[in-house]
PDB file of N, CA and C in Angstrom:
ATOM      1  N   MET A   1     -28.297  27.689 124.647  1.00  0.00           N
ATOM      2  CA  MET A   1     -28.143  27.571 124.934  1.00  0.00           C
ATOM      3  C   MET A   1     -29.565  26.805 123.381  1.00  0.00           C
ATOM      4  N   ASP A   2     -30.746  25.236 123.761  1.00  0.00           N
ATOM      5  CA  ASP A   2     -31.188  24.779 122.995  1.00  0.00           C
ATOM      6  C   ASP A   2     -32.318  25.100 123.650  1.00  0.00           C
ATOM      7  N   LEU A   3     -33.495  25.993 122.649  1.00  0.00           N
ATOM      8  CA  LEU A   3     -34.697  26.125 123.258  1.00  0.00           C
ATOM      9  C   LEU A   3     -35.528  25.393 122.634  1.00  0.00           C
ATOM     10  N   SER A   4     -35.448  24.508 121.800  1.00  0.00           N
ATOM     11  CA  SER A   4     -36.527  24.036 120.355  1.00  0.00           C
ATOM     12  C   SER A   4     -37.331  23.484 121.358  1.00  0.00           C
ATOM     13  N   PHE A   5     -37.306  22.580 122.519  1.00  0.00           N
ATOM     14  CA  PHE A   5     -38.502  21.647 122.825  1.00  0.00           C
ATOM     15  C   PHE A   5     -39.135  22.334 123.931  1.00  0.00           C
ATOM     16  N   PHE A   6     -39.344  23.800 123.602  1.00  0.00           N
ATOM     17  CA  PHE A   6     -40.692  25.161 124.005  1.00  0.00           C
ATOM     18  C   PHE A   6     -41.357  24.954 122.422  1.00  0.00           C
ATOM     19  N   GLN A   7     -41.126  24.352 121.704  1.00  0.00           N
ATOM     20  CA  GLN A   7     -41.522  25.172 119.883  1.00  0.00           C
ATOM     21  C   GLN A   7     -42.356  23.195 119.799  1.00  0.00           C
ATOM     22  N   SER A   8     -41.851  22.485 120.996  1.00  0.00           N
ATOM     23  CA  SER A   8     -41.977  21.244 120.237  1.00  0.00           C
ATOM     24  C   SER A   8     -43.381  20.603 120.516  1.00  0.00           C
ATOM     25  N   GLN A   9     -44.077  20.106 119.123  1.00  0.00           N
ATOM     26  CA  GLN A   9     -44.997  18.877 119.967  1.00  0.00           C
ATOM     27  C   GLN A   9     -44.974  18.899 121.160  1.00  0.00           C
ATOM     28  N   THR A  10     -44.400  18.106 121.653  1.00  0.00           N
ATOM     29  CA  THR A  10     -45.002  17.682 123.084  1.00  0.00           C
ATOM     30  C   THR A  10     -45.259  18.956 124.155  1.00  0.00           C
ATOM     31  N   ALA A  11     -44.004  19.686 124.338  1.00  0.00           N
ATOM     32  CA  ALA A  11     -44.171  21.283 125.280  1.00  0.00           C
ATOM     33  C   ALA A  11     -45.297  21.294 124.512  1.00  0.00           C
ATOM     34  N   GLN A  12     -45.731  22.139 123.474  1.00  0.00           N
ATOM     35  CA  GLN A  12     -47.176  22.420 122.914  1.00  0.00           C
ATOM     36  C   GLN A  12     -48.500  21.319 123.614  1.00  0.00           C
ATOM     37  N   LYS A  13     -48.658  20.043 123.581  1.00  0.00           N
ATOM     38  CA  LYS A  13     -49.069  19.194 124.643  1.00  0.00           C
ATOM     39  C   LYS A  13     -49.769  19.650 125.871  1.00  0.00           C
ATOM     40  N   LEU A  14     -48.696  19.576 126.580  1.00  0.00           N
ATOM     41  CA  LEU A  14     -48.331  19.904 127.689  1.00  0.00           C
ATOM     42  C   LEU A  14     -49.397  21.053 128.367  1.00  0.00           C
ATOM     43  N   ARG A  15     -48.455  22.079 127.443  1.00  0.00           N
ATOM     44  CA  ARG A  15     -48.584  23.529 128.037  1.00  0.00           C
ATOM     45  C   ARG A  15     -50.461  23.544 127.603  1.00  0.00           C
ATOM     46  N   ALA A  16     -51.423  22.579 127.025  1.00  0.00           N
ATOM     47  CA  ALA A  16     -52.096  22.597 126.283  1.00  0.00           C
ATOM     48  C   ALA A  16     -52.993  22.078 127.484  1.00  0.00           C
ATOM     49  N   GLU A  17     -52.698  20.877 128.000  1.00  0.00           N
ATOM     50  CA  GLU A  17     -53.336  20.148 129.040  1.00  0.00           C
ATOM     51  C   GLU A  17     -53.390  20.581 130.287  1.00  0.00           C
ATOM     52  N   GLY A  18     -52.531  21.238 130.692  1.00  0.00           N
ATOM     53  CA  GLY A  18     -52.339  21.911 131.691  1.00  0.00           C
ATOM     54  C   GLY A  18     -53.019  23.783 131.369  1.00  0.00           C
ATOM     55  N   ARG A  19     -53.736  23.888 130.298  1.00  0.00           N
ATOM     56  CA  ARG A  19     -54.873  25.192 130.263  1.00  0.00           C
ATOM     57  C   ARG A  19     -55.888  24.564 130.480  1.00  0.00           C
ATOM     58  N   ALA A  20     -56.603  23.093 130.320  1.00  0.00           N
ATOM     59  CA  ALA A  20     -57.318  22.629 130.029  1.00  0.00           C
ATOM     60  C   ALA A  20     -57.563  21.759 131.203  1.00  0.00           C
ATOM     61  N   GLN A  21     -57.165  21.958 132.247  1.00  0.00           N
ATOM     62  CA  GLN A  21     -56.752  21.667 133.627  1.00  0.00           C
ATOM     63  C   GLN A  21     -57.281  22.248 134.401  1.00  0.00           C
ATOM     64  N   ALA A  22     -56.518  23.517 134.355  1.00  0.00           N
ATOM     65  CA  ALA A  22     -57.087  24.921 134.891  1.00  0.00           C
ATOM     66  C   ALA A  22     -58.450  25.362 134.994  1.00  0.00           C
ATOM     67  N   ARG A  23     -58.708  25.320 133.079  1.00  0.00           N
ATOM     68  CA  ARG A  23     -60.066  25.088 133.282  1.00  0.00           C
ATOM     69  C   ARG A  23     -61.350  24.416 133.899  1.00  0.00           C
ATOM     70  N   ARG A  24     -61.076  23.155 133.915  1.00  0.00           N
ATOM     71  CA  ARG A  24     -61.499  21.808 134.300  1.00  0.00           C
ATOM     72  C   ARG A  24     -61.749  22.620 136.115  1.00  0.00           C
ATOM     73  N   GLU A  25     -61.129  23.073 136.743  1.00  0.00           N
ATOM     74  CA  GLU A  25     -60.831  23.297 137.796  1.00  0.00           C
ATOM     75  C   GLU A  25     -61.374  24.573 137.597  1.00  0.00           C
ATOM     76  N   ASP A  26     -61.213  25.973 137.220  1.00  0.00           N
ATOM     77  CA  ASP A  26     -61.853  26.949 137.181  1.00  0.00           C
ATOM     78  C   ASP A  26     -64.002  26.244 137.239  1.00  0.00           C
ATOM     79  N   VAL A  27     -64.390  25.955 136.078  1.00  0.00           N
ATOM     80  CA  VAL A  27     -65.592  24.882 136.093  1.00  0.00           C
ATOM     81  C   VAL A  27     -66.219  25.137 137.311  1.00  0.00           C
ATOM     82  N   LEU A  28     -65.932  23.716 137.774  1.00  0.00           N
ATOM     83  CA  LEU A  28     -65.953  23.388 139.392  1.00  0.00           C
ATOM     84  C   LEU A  28     -66.014  24.284 139.660  1.00  0.00           C
ATOM     85  N   LEU A  29     -64.719  24.818 139.737  1.00  0.00           N
ATOM     86  CA  LEU A  29     -64.814  26.070 141.766  1.00  0.00           C
ATOM     87  C   LEU A  29     -65.668  27.073 141.288  1.00  0.00           C
ATOM     88  N   LEU A  30     -65.926  27.830 140.054  1.00  0.00           N
ATOM     89  CA  LEU A  30     -67.161  28.531 139.894  1.00  0.00           C
ATOM     90  C   LEU A  30     -68.665  27.930 140.607  1.00  0.00           C
ATOM     91  N   LEU A  31     -68.830  27.171 139.856  1.00  0.00           N
ATOM     92  CA  LEU A  31     -69.910  26.450 140.452  1.00  0.00           C
ATOM     93  C   LEU A  31     -70.150  26.251 141.795  1.00  0.00           C
ATOM     94  N   ASP A  32     -68.918  25.391 142.587  1.00  0.00           N
ATOM     95  CA  ASP A  32     -68.796  26.030 144.040  1.00  0.00           C
ATOM     96  C   ASP A  32     -69.292  26.761 144.839  1.00  0.00           C
ATOM     97  N   HIS A  33     -68.397  28.190 143.894  1.00  0.00           N
ATOM     98  CA  HIS A  33     -68.645  29.452 144.635  1.00  0.00           C
ATOM     99  C   HIS A  33     -70.473  29.961 144.317  1.00  0.00           C
ATOM    100  N   ARG A  34     -70.468  29.667 143.782  1.00  0.00           N
ATOM    101  CA  ARG A  34     -72.301  29.587 143.376  1.00  0.00           C
ATOM    102  C   ARG A  34     -73.461  28.700 144.285  1.00  0.00           C
ATOM    103  N   GLY A  35     -72.760  27.573 144.908  1.00  0.00           N
ATOM    104  CA  GLY A  35     -73.496  27.339 145.531  1.00  0.00           C
ATOM    105  C   GLY A  35     -74.313  26.053 144.334  1.00  0.00           C
ATOM    106  N   VAL A  36     -74.053  26.008 143.071  1.00  0.00           N
ATOM    107  CA  VAL A  36     -74.470  25.058 142.664  1.00  0.00           C
ATOM    108  C   VAL A  36     -73.621  23.656 142.421  1.00  0.00           C
ATOM    109  N   GLU A  37     -75.120  22.651 143.193  1.00  0.00           N
ATOM    110  CA  GLU A  37     -74.609  21.954 143.220  1.00  0.00           C
ATOM    111  C   GLU A  37     -74.212  20.903 142.089  1.00  0.00           C
ATOM    112  N   VAL A  38     -73.237  19.923 142.489  1.00  0.00           N
ATOM    113  CA  VAL A  38     -72.182  19.169 140.952  1.00  0.00           C
ATOM    114  C   VAL A  38     -72.697  17.741 141.753  1.00  0.00           C
ATOM    115  N   SER A  39     -73.210  17.054 140.647  1.00  0.00           N
ATOM    116  CA  SER A  39     -73.219  15.265 140.882  1.00  0.00           C
ATOM    117  C   SER A  39     -71.904  14.891 141.190  1.00  0.00           C
ATOM    118  N   GLU A  40     -71.835  13.662 140.899  1.00  0.00           N
ATOM    119  CA  GLU A  40     -69.887  12.748 140.940  1.00  0.00           C
ATOM    120  C   GLU A  40     -70.452  12.728 139.626  1.00  0.00           C
ATOM    121  N   GLU A  41     -71.245  11.983 139.153  1.00  0.00           N
ATOM    122  CA  GLU A  41     -71.282  11.895 137.380  1.00  0.00           C
ATOM    123  C   GLU A  41     -70.915  13.498 136.452  1.00  0.00           C
ATOM    124  N   GLU A  42     -71.575  14.154 137.502  1.00  0.00           N
ATOM    125  CA  GLU A  42     -71.396  15.734 136.516  1.00  0.00           C
ATOM    126  C   GLU A  42     -69.765  15.807 136.661  1.00  0.00           C
ATOM    127  N   ARG A  43     -69.712  15.723 137.793  1.00  0.00           N
ATOM    128  CA  ARG A  43     -68.172  16.122 138.398  1.00  0.00           C
ATOM    129  C   ARG A  43     -66.816  15.424 137.350  1.00  0.00           C
ATOM    130  N   GLU A  44     -67.266  14.199 137.707  1.00  0.00           N
ATOM    131  CA  GLU A  44     -66.312  13.006 136.098  1.00  0.00           C
ATOM    132  C   GLU A  44     -66.531  13.577 135.184  1.00  0.00           C
ATOM    133  N   ARG A  45     -67.694  14.229 134.451  1.00  0.00           N
ATOM    134  CA  ARG A  45     -67.475  14.403 133.266  1.00  0.00           C
ATOM    135  C   ARG A  45     -66.876  15.853 132.612  1.00  0.00           C
ATOM    136  N   VAL A  46     -66.561  16.231 133.715  1.00  0.00           N
ATOM    137  CA  VAL A  46     -65.718  17.544 133.654  1.00  0.00           C
ATOM    138  C   VAL A  46     -64.145  16.817 133.923  1.00  0.00           C
ATOM    139  N   ALA A  47     -64.481  16.602 134.827  1.00  0.00           N
ATOM    140  CA  ALA A  47     -63.244  16.027 134.602  1.00  0.00           C
ATOM    141  C   ALA A  47     -62.467  15.439 133.499  1.00  0.00           C
ATOM    142  N   GLY A  48     -63.226  14.592 133.545  1.00  0.00           N
ATOM    143  CA  GLY A  48     -62.576  13.909 131.587  1.00  0.00           C
ATOM    144  C   GLY A  48     -62.905  15.035 130.566  1.00  0.00           C
ATOM    145  N   CYS A  49     -63.374  15.460 131.108  1.00  0.00           N
ATOM    146  CA  CYS A  49     -63.137  16.725 129.088  1.00  0.00           C
ATOM    147  C   CYS A  49     -61.330  17.272 129.302  1.00  0.00           C
ATOM    148  N   ARG A  50     -60.987  16.988 127.604  1.00  0.00           N
ATOM    149  CA  ARG A  50     -59.749  17.026 127.754  1.00  0.00           C
ATOM    150  C   ARG A  50     -60.077  18.700 126.626  1.00  0.00           C
ATOM    151  N   ASP A  51     -61.093  18.879 126.113  1.00  0.00           N
ATOM    152  CA  ASP A  51     -61.150  19.789 124.969  1.00  0.00           C
ATOM    153  C   ASP A  51     -61.168  21.404 125.339  1.00  0.00           C
ATOM    154  N   LEU A  52     -60.067  22.133 125.264  1.00  0.00           N
ATOM    155  CA  LEU A  52     -60.092  22.717 125.796  1.00  0.00           C
ATOM    156  C   LEU A  52     -61.452  24.128 125.564  1.00  0.00           C
ATOM    157  N   GLY A  53     -62.064  24.158 123.769  1.00  0.00           N
ATOM    158  CA  GLY A  53     -63.368  24.697 123.627  1.00  0.00           C
ATOM    159  C   GLY A  53     -64.537  24.599 124.315  1.00  0.00           C
ATOM    160  N   THR A  54     -65.035  22.975 124.523  1.00  0.00           N
ATOM    161  CA  THR A  54     -65.312  22.578 125.568  1.00  0.00           C
ATOM    162  C   THR A  54     -65.899  22.966 126.921  1.00  0.00           C
ATOM    163  N   LEU A  55     -64.419  23.279 127.456  1.00  0.00           N
ATOM    164  CA  LEU A  55     -64.414  23.399 128.355  1.00  0.00           C
ATOM    165  C   LEU A  55     -64.570  25.053 128.795  1.00  0.00           C
ATOM    166  N   ASP A  56     -64.508  25.979 127.940  1.00  0.00           N
ATOM    167  CA  ASP A  56     -64.527  27.281 127.607  1.00  0.00           C
ATOM    168  C   ASP A  56     -65.859  27.016 127.559  1.00  0.00           C
ATOM    169  N   VAL A  57     -67.004  26.941 126.792  1.00  0.00           N
ATOM    170  CA  VAL A  57     -68.128  26.884 126.569  1.00  0.00           C
ATOM    171  C   VAL A  57     -68.925  26.554 128.358  1.00  0.00           C
ATOM    172  N   TRP A  58     -68.459  25.481 128.788  1.00  0.00           N
ATOM    173  CA  TRP A  58     -68.583  25.075 130.068  1.00  0.00           C
ATOM    174  C   TRP A  58     -68.894  26.576 131.241  1.00  0.00           C
ATOM    175  N   PHE A  59     -67.548  27.265 130.733  1.00  0.00           N
ATOM    176  CA  PHE A  59     -67.075  27.673 131.699  1.00  0.00           C
ATOM    177  C   PHE A  59     -67.668  29.035 131.516  1.00  0.00           C
ATOM    178  N   ALA A  60     -67.923  29.675 130.789  1.00  0.00           N
ATOM    179  CA  ALA A  60     -69.700  30.784 130.187  1.00  0.00           C
ATOM    180  C   ALA A  60     -70.579  30.459 130.185  1.00  0.00           C
ATOM    181  N   ARG A  61     -70.651  29.276 130.362  1.00  0.00           N
ATOM    182  CA  ARG A  61     -71.982  29.097 130.563  1.00  0.00           C
ATOM    183  C   ARG A  61     -72.421  28.713 132.972  1.00  0.00           C
ATOM    184  N   ALA A  62     -71.510  28.512 133.026  1.00  0.00           N
ATOM    185  CA  ALA A  62     -71.324  28.124 134.506  1.00  0.00           C
ATOM    186  C   ALA A  62     -71.576  29.761 135.279  1.00  0.00           C
ATOM    187  N   VAL A  63     -71.064  30.931 134.512  1.00  0.00           N
ATOM    188  CA  VAL A  63     -71.469  32.213 135.131  1.00  0.00           C
ATOM    189  C   VAL A  63     -72.579  32.405 135.266  1.00  0.00           C
ATOM    190  N   THR A  64     -73.850  32.094 135.194  1.00  0.00           N
ATOM    191  CA  THR A  64     -75.131  31.888 134.732  1.00  0.00           C
ATOM    192  C   THR A  64     -75.528  31.020 135.295  1.00  0.00           C
ATOM    193  N   ALA A  65     -75.963  29.978 134.722  1.00  0.00           N
ATOM    194  CA  ALA A  65     -76.577  28.415 134.994  1.00  0.00           C
ATOM    195  C   ALA A  65     -77.093  27.962 135.883  1.00  0.00           C
ATOM    196  N   ALA A  66     -78.002  27.887 136.471  1.00  0.00           N
ATOM    197  CA  ALA A  66     -78.992  27.469 137.242  1.00  0.00           C
ATOM    198  C   ALA A  66     -78.208  25.900 137.928  1.00  0.00           C
ATOM    199  N   SER A  67     -77.840  24.781 137.255  1.00  0.00           N
ATOM    200  CA  SER A  67     -77.646  24.204 137.591  1.00  0.00           C
ATOM    201  C   SER A  67     -76.814  23.810 136.992  1.00  0.00           C
ATOM    202  N   ALA A  68     -76.105  21.911 137.437  1.00  0.00           N
ATOM    203  CA  ALA A  68     -74.686  21.934 136.758  1.00  0.00           C
ATOM    204  C   ALA A  68     -75.131  21.009 134.921  1.00  0.00           C
ATOM    205  N   ALA A  69     -76.472  20.671 135.544  1.00  0.00           N
ATOM    206  CA  ALA A  69     -77.169  20.348 134.101  1.00  0.00           C
ATOM    207  C   ALA A  69     -77.315  21.180 132.833  1.00  0.00           C
ATOM    208  N   GLU A  70     -77.367  22.580 133.322  1.00  0.00           N
ATOM    209  CA  GLU A  70     -77.353  23.820 132.445  1.00  0.00           C
ATOM    210  C   GLU A  70     -76.534  23.781 131.950  1.00  0.00           C
ATOM    211  N   VAL A  71     -75.534  24.163 132.424  1.00  0.00           N
ATOM    212  CA  VAL A  71     -73.993  23.738 131.963  1.00  0.00           C
ATOM    213  C   VAL A  71     -72.937  23.329 131.213  1.00  0.00           C
ATOM    214  N   LEU A  72     -73.553  21.115 131.435  1.00  0.00           N
ATOM    215  CA  LEU A  72     -73.119  20.487 130.183  1.00  0.00           C
ATOM    216  C   LEU A  72     -74.362  20.259 129.889  1.00  0.00           C
ATOM    217  N   ALA A  73     -75.372  21.082 129.312  1.00  0.00           N
ATOM    218  CA  ALA A  73     -75.924  20.414 128.561  1.00  0.00           C
ATOM    219  C   ALA A  73     -75.761  20.612 127.026  1.00  0.00           C
ATOM    220  N   GLY A  74     -76.437  20.051 126.133  1.00  0.00           N
ATOM    221  CA  GLY A  74     -76.133  20.091 124.820  1.00  0.00           C
ATOM    222  C   GLY A  74     -74.709  19.184 124.039  1.00  0.00           C
ATOM    223  N   GLU A  75     -74.747  19.893 122.919  1.00  0.00           N
ATOM    224  CA  GLU A  75     -74.019  19.449 122.215  1.00  0.00           C
ATOM    225  C   GLU A  75     -73.036  20.930 122.699  1.00  0.00           C
ATOM    226  N   VAL A  76     -71.804  20.810 122.416  1.00  0.00           N
ATOM    227  CA  VAL A  76     -70.355  21.920 122.096  1.00  0.00           C
ATOM    228  C   VAL A  76     -69.933  22.017 120.829  1.00  0.00           C
ATOM    229  N   GLY A  77     -69.559  23.457 120.424  1.00  0.00           N
ATOM    230  CA  GLY A  77     -68.689  23.095 119.649  1.00  0.00           C
ATOM    231  C   GLY A  77     -69.203  23.148 118.147  1.00  0.00           C
TER     232      GLY A  77
END
């Protein structure tokens, strides 16, 4: 059985996109559960982010942030 696909760049990109999608959902879900309001513009910014490092920073900030603006503030990376 040829398993080379699972090591291909395409497979790696698919896995990375899946992780990013899950992290986007995590950020928004965490803010929602904490009762933090998220504007449509902020929601779109999170939904449009493809960088897993940025999303990880946003997730960590979302644990304690008082607002979505605080989560998304400043440069990441």
